[in-house]
PDB file of all heavy atoms in Angstrom:
ATOM      1  N   TYR A   1      39.227 -97.826  19.014  1.00  0.00           N
ATOM      2  CA  TYR A   1      38.429 -98.892  18.445  1.00  0.00           C
ATOM      3  C   TYR A   1      39.341-100.033  18.031  1.00  0.00           C
ATOM      4  O   TYR A   1      40.448 -99.892  17.600  1.00  0.00           O
ATOM      5  CB  TYR A   1      37.705 -98.404  17.171  1.00  0.00           C
ATOM      6  CG  TYR A   1      36.653 -97.388  17.403  1.00  0.00           C
ATOM      7  CD1 TYR A   1      36.962 -96.006  17.374  1.00  0.00           C
ATOM      8  CD2 TYR A   1      35.293 -97.755  17.611  1.00  0.00           C
ATOM      9  CE1 TYR A   1      35.956 -95.058  17.622  1.00  0.00           C
ATOM     10  CE2 TYR A   1      34.306 -96.772  17.736  1.00  0.00           C
ATOM     11  CZ  TYR A   1      34.659 -95.449  17.753  1.00  0.00           C
ATOM     12  OH  TYR A   1      33.711 -94.516  17.913  1.00  0.00           O
ATOM     13  N   ALA A   2      38.708-101.245  18.132  1.00  0.00           N
ATOM     14  CA  ALA A   2      39.359-102.404  17.458  1.00  0.00           C
ATOM     15  C   ALA A   2      39.288-102.153  15.998  1.00  0.00           C
ATOM     16  O   ALA A   2      38.362-101.647  15.446  1.00  0.00           O
ATOM     17  CB  ALA A   2      38.649-103.644  17.847  1.00  0.00           C
ATOM     18  N   ASP A   3      40.310-102.591  15.300  1.00  0.00           N
ATOM     19  CA  ASP A   3      40.393-102.334  13.831  1.00  0.00           C
ATOM     20  C   ASP A   3      39.229-102.866  13.052  1.00  0.00           C
ATOM     21  O   ASP A   3      38.704-102.163  12.154  1.00  0.00           O
ATOM     22  CB  ASP A   3      41.660-102.996  13.311  1.00  0.00           C
ATOM     23  CG  ASP A   3      42.948-102.240  13.710  1.00  0.00           C
ATOM     24  OD1 ASP A   3      42.848-101.108  14.154  1.00  0.00           O
ATOM     25  OD2 ASP A   3      44.057-102.965  13.615  1.00  0.00           O
ATOM     26  N   SER A   4      38.722-103.986  13.441  1.00  0.00           N
ATOM     27  CA  SER A   4      37.539-104.577  12.645  1.00  0.00           C
ATOM     28  C   SER A   4      36.300-103.821  12.862  1.00  0.00           C
ATOM     29  O   SER A   4      35.308-104.042  12.076  1.00  0.00           O
ATOM     30  CB  SER A   4      37.366-105.990  13.019  1.00  0.00           C
ATOM     31  OG  SER A   4      37.036-106.118  14.401  1.00  0.00           O
ATOM     32  N   MET A   5      36.220-102.950  13.852  1.00  0.00           N
ATOM     33  CA  MET A   5      34.982-102.192  14.163  1.00  0.00           C
ATOM     34  C   MET A   5      35.094-100.720  13.605  1.00  0.00           C
ATOM     35  O   MET A   5      34.051-100.075  13.571  1.00  0.00           O
ATOM     36  CB  MET A   5      34.721-102.115  15.657  1.00  0.00           C
ATOM     37  CG  MET A   5      34.114-103.344  16.243  1.00  0.00           C
ATOM     38  SD  MET A   5      35.149-104.811  16.029  1.00  0.00           S
ATOM     39  CE  MET A   5      34.989-105.594  17.613  1.00  0.00           C
ATOM     40  N   LYS A   6      36.267-100.299  13.214  1.00  0.00           N
ATOM     41  CA  LYS A   6      36.388 -98.950  12.774  1.00  0.00           C
ATOM     42  C   LYS A   6      35.496 -98.723  11.507  1.00  0.00           C
ATOM     43  O   LYS A   6      35.484 -99.456  10.614  1.00  0.00           O
ATOM     44  CB  LYS A   6      37.784 -98.619  12.453  1.00  0.00           C
ATOM     45  CG  LYS A   6      38.780 -98.508  13.674  1.00  0.00           C
ATOM     46  CD  LYS A   6      40.128 -98.228  13.280  1.00  0.00           C
ATOM     47  CE  LYS A   6      41.043 -98.115  14.445  1.00  0.00           C
ATOM     48  NZ  LYS A   6      42.428 -97.872  14.189  1.00  0.00           N
ATOM     49  N   GLY A   7      34.783 -97.564  11.524  1.00  0.00           N
ATOM     50  CA  GLY A   7      33.895 -97.207  10.413  1.00  0.00           C
ATOM     51  C   GLY A   7      32.553 -97.789  10.483  1.00  0.00           C
ATOM     52  O   GLY A   7      31.692 -97.283   9.805  1.00  0.00           O
ATOM     53  N   ARG A   8      32.336 -98.850  11.310  1.00  0.00           N
ATOM     54  CA  ARG A   8      30.977 -99.354  11.408  1.00  0.00           C
ATOM     55  C   ARG A   8      30.370 -99.032  12.797  1.00  0.00           C
ATOM     56  O   ARG A   8      29.189 -98.930  12.938  1.00  0.00           O
ATOM     57  CB  ARG A   8      30.985-100.937  11.264  1.00  0.00           C
ATOM     58  CG  ARG A   8      31.494-101.286   9.836  1.00  0.00           C
ATOM     59  CD  ARG A   8      31.217-102.824   9.666  1.00  0.00           C
ATOM     60  NE  ARG A   8      31.958-103.642  10.612  1.00  0.00           N
ATOM     61  CZ  ARG A   8      31.391-104.538  11.421  1.00  0.00           C
ATOM     62  NH1 ARG A   8      30.133-104.726  11.355  1.00  0.00           N
ATOM     63  NH2 ARG A   8      32.101-105.289  12.225  1.00  0.00           N
ATOM     64  N   PHE A   9      31.150 -99.031  13.782  1.00  0.00           N
ATOM     65  CA  PHE A   9      30.725 -98.840  15.227  1.00  0.00           C
ATOM     66  C   PHE A   9      31.125 -97.449  15.648  1.00  0.00           C
ATOM     67  O   PHE A   9      32.268 -96.977  15.384  1.00  0.00           O
ATOM     68  CB  PHE A   9      31.314 -99.863  16.107  1.00  0.00           C
ATOM     69  CG  PHE A   9      30.820-101.281  15.909  1.00  0.00           C
ATOM     70  CD1 PHE A   9      29.964-101.592  14.827  1.00  0.00           C
ATOM     71  CD2 PHE A   9      31.225-102.291  16.705  1.00  0.00           C
ATOM     72  CE1 PHE A   9      29.551-102.907  14.621  1.00  0.00           C
ATOM     73  CE2 PHE A   9      30.755-103.611  16.585  1.00  0.00           C
ATOM     74  CZ  PHE A   9      29.925-103.893  15.452  1.00  0.00           C
ATOM     75  N   THR A  10      30.339 -96.829  16.492  1.00  0.00           N
ATOM     76  CA  THR A  10      30.668 -95.508  17.082  1.00  0.00           C
ATOM     77  C   THR A  10      30.294 -95.561  18.544  1.00  0.00           C
ATOM     78  O   THR A  10      29.112 -95.863  18.885  1.00  0.00           O
ATOM     79  CB  THR A  10      29.829 -94.407  16.429  1.00  0.00           C
ATOM     80  OG1 THR A  10      30.119 -94.402  15.006  1.00  0.00           O
ATOM     81  CG2 THR A  10      30.230 -93.030  17.013  1.00  0.00           C
ATOM     82  N   ILE A  11      31.297 -95.255  19.340  1.00  0.00           N
ATOM     83  CA  ILE A  11      31.049 -95.190  20.776  1.00  0.00           C
ATOM     84  C   ILE A  11      30.923 -93.718  21.245  1.00  0.00           C
ATOM     85  O   ILE A  11      31.603 -92.831  20.655  1.00  0.00           O
ATOM     86  CB  ILE A  11      32.225 -95.822  21.611  1.00  0.00           C
ATOM     87  CG1 ILE A  11      31.886 -96.008  23.071  1.00  0.00           C
ATOM     88  CG2 ILE A  11      33.548 -95.069  21.319  1.00  0.00           C
ATOM     89  CD1 ILE A  11      32.908 -96.890  23.773  1.00  0.00           C
ATOM     90  N   SER A  12      30.067 -93.487  22.192  1.00  0.00           N
ATOM     91  CA  SER A  12      29.823 -92.149  22.748  1.00  0.00           C
ATOM     92  C   SER A  12      29.382 -92.258  24.155  1.00  0.00           C
ATOM     93  O   SER A  12      29.122 -93.383  24.607  1.00  0.00           O
ATOM     94  CB  SER A  12      28.729 -91.382  21.889  1.00  0.00           C
ATOM     95  OG  SER A  12      27.519 -92.068  21.903  1.00  0.00           O
ATOM     96  N   ARG A  13      29.487 -91.187  24.906  1.00  0.00           N
ATOM     97  CA  ARG A  13      29.145 -91.214  26.310  1.00  0.00           C
ATOM     98  C   ARG A  13      28.399 -89.916  26.736  1.00  0.00           C
ATOM     99  O   ARG A  13      28.651 -88.870  26.143  1.00  0.00           O
ATOM    100  CB  ARG A  13      30.254 -91.598  27.185  1.00  0.00           C
ATOM    101  CG  ARG A  13      31.332 -90.507  27.201  1.00  0.00           C
ATOM    102  CD  ARG A  13      32.573 -91.077  28.009  1.00  0.00           C
ATOM    103  NE  ARG A  13      32.458 -91.004  29.426  1.00  0.00           N
ATOM    104  CZ  ARG A  13      33.338 -91.469  30.292  1.00  0.00           C
ATOM    105  NH1 ARG A  13      34.471 -91.989  29.862  1.00  0.00           N
ATOM    106  NH2 ARG A  13      33.131 -91.331  31.574  1.00  0.00           N
ATOM    107  N   ASP A  14      27.630 -90.094  27.756  1.00  0.00           N
ATOM    108  CA  ASP A  14      27.013 -88.826  28.418  1.00  0.00           C
ATOM    109  C   ASP A  14      27.496 -88.854  29.847  1.00  0.00           C
ATOM    110  O   ASP A  14      27.072 -89.706  30.638  1.00  0.00           O
ATOM    111  CB  ASP A  14      25.478 -89.018  28.342  1.00  0.00           C
ATOM    112  CG  ASP A  14      24.770 -87.798  28.948  1.00  0.00           C
ATOM    113  OD1 ASP A  14      25.358 -87.091  29.833  1.00  0.00           O
ATOM    114  OD2 ASP A  14      23.676 -87.561  28.577  1.00  0.00           O
ATOM    115  N   ASN A  15      28.509 -88.040  30.122  1.00  0.00           N
ATOM    116  CA  ASN A  15      29.114 -88.043  31.373  1.00  0.00           C
ATOM    117  C   ASN A  15      28.176 -87.680  32.555  1.00  0.00           C
ATOM    118  O   ASN A  15      28.263 -88.203  33.636  1.00  0.00           O
ATOM    119  CB  ASN A  15      30.330 -87.125  31.419  1.00  0.00           C
ATOM    120  CG  ASN A  15      31.490 -87.556  30.619  1.00  0.00           C
ATOM    121  OD1 ASN A  15      31.639 -88.796  30.407  1.00  0.00           O
ATOM    122  ND2 ASN A  15      32.271 -86.669  30.094  1.00  0.00           N
ATOM    123  N   ALA A  16      27.274 -86.773  32.261  1.00  0.00           N
ATOM    124  CA  ALA A  16      26.275 -86.329  33.227  1.00  0.00           C
ATOM    125  C   ALA A  16      25.393 -87.526  33.633  1.00  0.00           C
ATOM    126  O   ALA A  16      24.874 -87.528  34.829  1.00  0.00           O
ATOM    127  CB  ALA A  16      25.428 -85.196  32.751  1.00  0.00           C
ATOM    128  N   LYS A  17      25.146 -88.454  32.797  1.00  0.00           N
ATOM    129  CA  LYS A  17      24.265 -89.548  33.051  1.00  0.00           C
ATOM    130  C   LYS A  17      24.978 -90.876  33.198  1.00  0.00           C
ATOM    131  O   LYS A  17      24.352 -91.951  33.372  1.00  0.00           O
ATOM    132  CB  LYS A  17      23.184 -89.696  31.948  1.00  0.00           C
ATOM    133  CG  LYS A  17      22.238 -88.405  31.833  1.00  0.00           C
ATOM    134  CD  LYS A  17      21.322 -88.672  30.663  1.00  0.00           C
ATOM    135  CE  LYS A  17      20.353 -87.526  30.562  1.00  0.00           C
ATOM    136  NZ  LYS A  17      19.277 -87.662  29.470  1.00  0.00           N
ATOM    137  N   ASN A  18      26.317 -90.779  33.260  1.00  0.00           N
ATOM    138  CA  ASN A  18      27.131 -92.018  33.468  1.00  0.00           C
ATOM    139  C   ASN A  18      26.717 -93.090  32.449  1.00  0.00           C
ATOM    140  O   ASN A  18      26.488 -94.270  32.904  1.00  0.00           O
ATOM    141  CB  ASN A  18      27.026 -92.503  34.948  1.00  0.00           C
ATOM    142  CG  ASN A  18      27.664 -91.575  35.931  1.00  0.00           C
ATOM    143  OD1 ASN A  18      28.657 -90.996  35.630  1.00  0.00           O
ATOM    144  ND2 ASN A  18      27.069 -91.465  37.056  1.00  0.00           N
ATOM    145  N   THR A  19      26.481 -92.795  31.280  1.00  0.00           N
ATOM    146  CA  THR A  19      26.019 -93.625  30.303  1.00  0.00           C
ATOM    147  C   THR A  19      26.938 -93.678  29.077  1.00  0.00           C
ATOM    148  O   THR A  19      27.490 -92.619  28.675  1.00  0.00           O
ATOM    149  CB  THR A  19      24.585 -93.197  29.785  1.00  0.00           C
ATOM    150  OG1 THR A  19      23.704 -93.157  30.910  1.00  0.00           O
ATOM    151  CG2 THR A  19      24.077 -94.192  28.780  1.00  0.00           C
ATOM    152  N   VAL A  20      27.104 -94.881  28.578  1.00  0.00           N
ATOM    153  CA  VAL A  20      27.925 -95.048  27.319  1.00  0.00           C
ATOM    154  C   VAL A  20      27.073 -95.735  26.326  1.00  0.00           C
ATOM    155  O   VAL A  20      26.188 -96.583  26.661  1.00  0.00           O
ATOM    156  CB  VAL A  20      29.197 -95.865  27.565  1.00  0.00           C
ATOM    157  CG1 VAL A  20      28.905 -97.305  28.073  1.00  0.00           C
ATOM    158  CG2 VAL A  20      30.117 -95.923  26.415  1.00  0.00           C
ATOM    159  N   PHE A  21      27.235 -95.401  25.059  1.00  0.00           N
ATOM    160  CA  PHE A  21      26.441 -95.973  23.935  1.00  0.00           C
ATOM    161  C   PHE A  21      27.339 -96.598  22.893  1.00  0.00           C
ATOM    162  O   PHE A  21      28.508 -96.174  22.791  1.00  0.00           O
ATOM    163  CB  PHE A  21      25.687 -94.808  23.254  1.00  0.00           C
ATOM    164  CG  PHE A  21      24.826 -93.995  24.138  1.00  0.00           C
ATOM    165  CD1 PHE A  21      25.237 -92.830  24.672  1.00  0.00           C
ATOM    166  CD2 PHE A  21      23.479 -94.455  24.493  1.00  0.00           C
ATOM    167  CE1 PHE A  21      24.496 -92.026  25.524  1.00  0.00           C
ATOM    168  CE2 PHE A  21      22.720 -93.678  25.392  1.00  0.00           C
ATOM    169  CZ  PHE A  21      23.175 -92.488  25.867  1.00  0.00           C
ATOM    170  N   LEU A  22      26.839 -97.545  22.185  1.00  0.00           N
ATOM    171  CA  LEU A  22      27.543 -98.121  21.072  1.00  0.00           C
ATOM    172  C   LEU A  22      26.564 -98.218  19.920  1.00  0.00           C
ATOM    173  O   LEU A  22      25.665 -98.969  19.921  1.00  0.00           O
ATOM    174  CB  LEU A  22      28.162 -99.444  21.410  1.00  0.00           C
ATOM    175  CG  LEU A  22      28.955-100.138  20.276  1.00  0.00           C
ATOM    176  CD1 LEU A  22      30.272 -99.372  20.118  1.00  0.00           C
ATOM    177  CD2 LEU A  22      29.229-101.628  20.620  1.00  0.00           C
ATOM    178  N   GLN A  23      26.771 -97.361  18.938  1.00  0.00           N
ATOM    179  CA  GLN A  23      26.018 -97.475  17.654  1.00  0.00           C
ATOM    180  C   GLN A  23      26.694 -98.444  16.705  1.00  0.00           C
ATOM    181  O   GLN A  23      27.817 -98.211  16.321  1.00  0.00           O
ATOM    182  CB  GLN A  23      25.886 -96.091  17.014  1.00  0.00           C
ATOM    183  CG  GLN A  23      25.121 -96.057  15.689  1.00  0.00           C
ATOM    184  CD  GLN A  23      23.655 -96.393  15.846  1.00  0.00           C
ATOM    185  OE1 GLN A  23      23.069 -95.872  16.800  1.00  0.00           O
ATOM    186  NE2 GLN A  23      23.155 -97.201  14.922  1.00  0.00           N
ATOM    187  N   MET A  24      26.058 -99.425  16.308  1.00  0.00           N
ATOM    188  CA  MET A  24      26.601-100.475  15.421  1.00  0.00           C
ATOM    189  C   MET A  24      25.814-100.475  14.187  1.00  0.00           C
ATOM    190  O   MET A  24      24.596-100.633  14.135  1.00  0.00           O
ATOM    191  CB  MET A  24      26.443-101.834  16.090  1.00  0.00           C
ATOM    192  CG  MET A  24      27.112-101.897  17.505  1.00  0.00           C
ATOM    193  SD  MET A  24      27.202-103.508  18.185  1.00  0.00           S
ATOM    194  CE  MET A  24      25.421-103.765  18.483  1.00  0.00           C
ATOM    195  N   ASN A  25      26.509-100.213  13.064  1.00  0.00           N
ATOM    196  CA  ASN A  25      25.863-100.208  11.704  1.00  0.00           C
ATOM    197  C   ASN A  25      26.472-101.279  10.818  1.00  0.00           C
ATOM    198  O   ASN A  25      27.595-101.757  11.106  1.00  0.00           O
ATOM    199  CB  ASN A  25      26.101 -98.804  11.012  1.00  0.00           C
ATOM    200  CG  ASN A  25      25.458 -97.658  11.818  1.00  0.00           C
ATOM    201  OD1 ASN A  25      24.346 -97.821  12.400  1.00  0.00           O
ATOM    202  ND2 ASN A  25      26.083 -96.472  11.833  1.00  0.00           N
ATOM    203  N   ASN A  26      25.808-101.584   9.774  1.00  0.00           N
ATOM    204  CA  ASN A  26      26.274-102.600   8.852  1.00  0.00           C
ATOM    205  C   ASN A  26      26.752-103.826   9.505  1.00  0.00           C
ATOM    206  O   ASN A  26      27.880-104.394   9.325  1.00  0.00           O
ATOM    207  CB  ASN A  26      27.424-102.013   7.998  1.00  0.00           C
ATOM    208  CG  ASN A  26      27.817-102.919   6.801  1.00  0.00           C
ATOM    209  OD1 ASN A  26      27.012-103.720   6.392  1.00  0.00           O
ATOM    210  ND2 ASN A  26      29.042-102.797   6.368  1.00  0.00           N
ATOM    211  N   LEU A  27      25.843-104.351  10.397  1.00  0.00           N
ATOM    212  CA  LEU A  27      26.263-105.508  11.259  1.00  0.00           C
ATOM    213  C   LEU A  27      26.419-106.775  10.345  1.00  0.00           C
ATOM    214  O   LEU A  27      25.693-106.994   9.293  1.00  0.00           O
ATOM    215  CB  LEU A  27      25.161-105.772  12.288  1.00  0.00           C
ATOM    216  CG  LEU A  27      25.284-104.771  13.415  1.00  0.00           C
ATOM    217  CD1 LEU A  27      23.949-104.793  14.213  1.00  0.00           C
ATOM    218  CD2 LEU A  27      26.445-105.157  14.365  1.00  0.00           C
ATOM    219  N   LYS A  28      27.355-107.646  10.739  1.00  0.00           N
ATOM    220  CA  LYS A  28      27.674-108.842  10.086  1.00  0.00           C
ATOM    221  C   LYS A  28      27.459-110.010  10.983  1.00  0.00           C
ATOM    222  O   LYS A  28      27.473-109.860  12.169  1.00  0.00           O
ATOM    223  CB  LYS A  28      29.088-108.787   9.642  1.00  0.00           C
ATOM    224  CG  LYS A  28      29.511-107.569   8.818  1.00  0.00           C
ATOM    225  CD  LYS A  28      31.011-107.505   8.549  1.00  0.00           C
ATOM    226  CE  LYS A  28      31.340-106.265   7.686  1.00  0.00           C
ATOM    227  NZ  LYS A  28      32.817-106.244   7.423  1.00  0.00           N
ATOM    228  N   PRO A  29      27.230-111.213  10.379  1.00  0.00           N
ATOM    229  CA  PRO A  29      27.007-112.380  11.229  1.00  0.00           C
ATOM    230  C   PRO A  29      28.154-112.624  12.211  1.00  0.00           C
ATOM    231  O   PRO A  29      27.935-113.085  13.342  1.00  0.00           O
ATOM    232  CB  PRO A  29      26.958-113.564  10.210  1.00  0.00           C
ATOM    233  CG  PRO A  29      26.392-112.887   8.976  1.00  0.00           C
ATOM    234  CD  PRO A  29      26.970-111.505   8.918  1.00  0.00           C
ATOM    235  N   GLU A  30      29.422-112.243  11.860  1.00  0.00           N
ATOM    236  CA  GLU A  30      30.475-112.377  12.741  1.00  0.00           C
ATOM    237  C   GLU A  30      30.528-111.402  13.934  1.00  0.00           C
ATOM    238  O   GLU A  30      31.372-111.499  14.817  1.00  0.00           O
ATOM    239  CB  GLU A  30      31.906-112.265  11.970  1.00  0.00           C
ATOM    240  CG  GLU A  30      32.017-111.105  11.161  1.00  0.00           C
ATOM    241  CD  GLU A  30      31.644-111.345   9.702  1.00  0.00           C
ATOM    242  OE1 GLU A  30      30.635-112.054   9.444  1.00  0.00           O
ATOM    243  OE2 GLU A  30      32.271-110.811   8.850  1.00  0.00           O
ATOM    244  N   ASP A  31      29.590-110.463  13.967  1.00  0.00           N
ATOM    245  CA  ASP A  31      29.379-109.601  15.064  1.00  0.00           C
ATOM    246  C   ASP A  31      28.562-110.159  16.145  1.00  0.00           C
ATOM    247  O   ASP A  31      28.421-109.616  17.227  1.00  0.00           O
ATOM    248  CB  ASP A  31      28.804-108.298  14.639  1.00  0.00           C
ATOM    249  CG  ASP A  31      29.686-107.435  13.678  1.00  0.00           C
ATOM    250  OD1 ASP A  31      30.860-107.343  13.967  1.00  0.00           O
ATOM    251  OD2 ASP A  31      29.109-106.891  12.697  1.00  0.00           O
ATOM    252  N   THR A  32      27.971-111.359  15.885  1.00  0.00           N
ATOM    253  CA  THR A  32      27.189-112.032  16.872  1.00  0.00           C
ATOM    254  C   THR A  32      28.027-112.361  18.094  1.00  0.00           C
ATOM    255  O   THR A  32      29.098-113.007  18.069  1.00  0.00           O
ATOM    256  CB  THR A  32      26.625-113.333  16.274  1.00  0.00           C
ATOM    257  OG1 THR A  32      25.663-112.984  15.244  1.00  0.00           O
ATOM    258  CG2 THR A  32      25.845-114.112  17.296  1.00  0.00           C
ATOM    259  N   ALA A  33      27.549-111.877  19.256  1.00  0.00           N
ATOM    260  CA  ALA A  33      28.279-112.104  20.546  1.00  0.00           C
ATOM    261  C   ALA A  33      27.479-111.489  21.639  1.00  0.00           C
ATOM    262  O   ALA A  33      26.522-110.810  21.437  1.00  0.00           O
ATOM    263  CB  ALA A  33      29.645-111.418  20.442  1.00  0.00           C
ATOM    264  N   ALA A  34      27.941-111.834  22.865  1.00  0.00           N
ATOM    265  CA  ALA A  34      27.470-111.070  24.009  1.00  0.00           C
ATOM    266  C   ALA A  34      28.292-109.842  24.189  1.00  0.00           C
ATOM    267  O   ALA A  34      29.568-109.914  24.170  1.00  0.00           O
ATOM    268  CB  ALA A  34      27.534-111.951  25.274  1.00  0.00           C
ATOM    269  N   TYR A  35      27.690-108.705  24.356  1.00  0.00           N
ATOM    270  CA  TYR A  35      28.423-107.485  24.414  1.00  0.00           C
ATOM    271  C   TYR A  35      28.325-106.927  25.885  1.00  0.00           C
ATOM    272  O   TYR A  35      27.283-106.919  26.506  1.00  0.00           O
ATOM    273  CB  TYR A  35      27.715-106.407  23.446  1.00  0.00           C
ATOM    274  CG  TYR A  35      28.176-106.634  22.038  1.00  0.00           C
ATOM    275  CD1 TYR A  35      27.630-107.673  21.367  1.00  0.00           C
ATOM    276  CD2 TYR A  35      29.068-105.730  21.383  1.00  0.00           C
ATOM    277  CE1 TYR A  35      28.003-107.937  20.055  1.00  0.00           C
ATOM    278  CE2 TYR A  35      29.389-105.985  20.090  1.00  0.00           C
ATOM    279  CZ  TYR A  35      28.864-107.063  19.415  1.00  0.00           C
ATOM    280  OH  TYR A  35      29.297-107.284  18.071  1.00  0.00           O
ATOM    281  N   TYR A  36      29.574-106.651  26.372  1.00  0.00           N
ATOM    282  CA  TYR A  36      29.661-106.271  27.781  1.00  0.00           C
ATOM    283  C   TYR A  36      30.168-104.866  27.948  1.00  0.00           C
ATOM    284  O   TYR A  36      31.056-104.430  27.246  1.00  0.00           O
ATOM    285  CB  TYR A  36      30.651-107.183  28.535  1.00  0.00           C
ATOM    286  CG  TYR A  36      30.253-108.637  28.523  1.00  0.00           C
ATOM    287  CD1 TYR A  36      30.583-109.543  27.515  1.00  0.00           C
ATOM    288  CD2 TYR A  36      29.494-109.126  29.640  1.00  0.00           C
ATOM    289  CE1 TYR A  36      30.168-110.872  27.645  1.00  0.00           C
ATOM    290  CE2 TYR A  36      29.086-110.412  29.700  1.00  0.00           C
ATOM    291  CZ  TYR A  36      29.489-111.290  28.706  1.00  0.00           C
ATOM    292  OH  TYR A  36      29.025-112.601  28.719  1.00  0.00           O
ATOM    293  N   CYS A  37      29.506-104.105  28.838  1.00  0.00           N
ATOM    294  CA  CYS A  37      29.964-102.837  29.211  1.00  0.00           C
ATOM    295  C   CYS A  37      31.013-102.859  30.296  1.00  0.00           C
ATOM    296  O   CYS A  37      30.998-103.749  31.143  1.00  0.00           O
ATOM    297  CB  CYS A  37      28.714-102.011  29.681  1.00  0.00           C
ATOM    298  SG  CYS A  37      29.016-100.376  30.316  1.00  0.00           S
ATOM    299  N   ASN A  38      31.981-101.954  30.167  1.00  0.00           N
ATOM    300  CA  ASN A  38      33.109-101.875  31.158  1.00  0.00           C
ATOM    301  C   ASN A  38      33.270-100.410  31.648  1.00  0.00           C
ATOM    302  O   ASN A  38      33.170 -99.500  30.740  1.00  0.00           O
ATOM    303  CB  ASN A  38      34.351-102.443  30.597  1.00  0.00           C
ATOM    304  CG  ASN A  38      35.503-102.322  31.549  1.00  0.00           C
ATOM    305  OD1 ASN A  38      36.241-101.284  31.504  1.00  0.00           O
ATOM    306  ND2 ASN A  38      35.736-103.273  32.355  1.00  0.00           N
ATOM    307  N   ALA A  39      33.529-100.216  32.863  1.00  0.00           N
ATOM    308  CA  ALA A  39      33.818 -98.843  33.373  1.00  0.00           C
ATOM    309  C   ALA A  39      34.996 -98.901  34.346  1.00  0.00           C
ATOM    310  O   ALA A  39      34.972 -99.860  35.177  1.00  0.00           O
ATOM    311  CB  ALA A  39      32.590 -98.338  34.062  1.00  0.00           C
ATOM    312  N   VAL A  40      35.927 -98.048  34.190  1.00  0.00           N
ATOM    313  CA  VAL A  40      37.029 -97.935  35.075  1.00  0.00           C
ATOM    314  C   VAL A  40      36.800 -96.785  35.999  1.00  0.00           C
ATOM    315  O   VAL A  40      36.744 -95.671  35.564  1.00  0.00           O
ATOM    316  CB  VAL A  40      38.392 -97.795  34.340  1.00  0.00           C
ATOM    317  CG1 VAL A  40      39.557 -97.690  35.255  1.00  0.00           C
ATOM    318  CG2 VAL A  40      38.595 -99.011  33.379  1.00  0.00           C
ATOM    319  N   ILE A  41      36.781 -97.055  37.331  1.00  0.00           N
ATOM    320  CA  ILE A  41      36.458 -96.100  38.356  1.00  0.00           C
ATOM    321  C   ILE A  41      37.516 -96.172  39.388  1.00  0.00           C
ATOM    322  O   ILE A  41      37.653 -97.204  40.057  1.00  0.00           O
ATOM    323  CB  ILE A  41      35.128 -96.291  38.926  1.00  0.00           C
ATOM    324  CG1 ILE A  41      33.981 -96.241  37.858  1.00  0.00           C
ATOM    325  CG2 ILE A  41      34.767 -95.245  40.020  1.00  0.00           C
ATOM    326  CD1 ILE A  41      32.646 -96.727  38.330  1.00  0.00           C
ATOM    327  N   VAL A  42      38.305 -95.123  39.549  1.00  0.00           N
ATOM    328  CA  VAL A  42      39.371 -95.015  40.449  1.00  0.00           C
ATOM    329  C   VAL A  42      40.280 -96.294  40.311  1.00  0.00           C
ATOM    330  O   VAL A  42      40.620 -96.935  41.279  1.00  0.00           O
ATOM    331  CB  VAL A  42      38.955 -94.930  41.917  1.00  0.00           C
ATOM    332  CG1 VAL A  42      40.047 -94.489  42.818  1.00  0.00           C
ATOM    333  CG2 VAL A  42      37.803 -93.872  42.046  1.00  0.00           C
TER     334      VAL A  42
END
């Protein structure tokens, strides 16, 4: 995690479904942004 997200955001994944999640709690105005998913394959 990036330091500023620790304790507020939680990342998880479901390998069987090739899915990643981001649970974001206690959101702040400075969290406003476009959020992009990234995957590294081979």
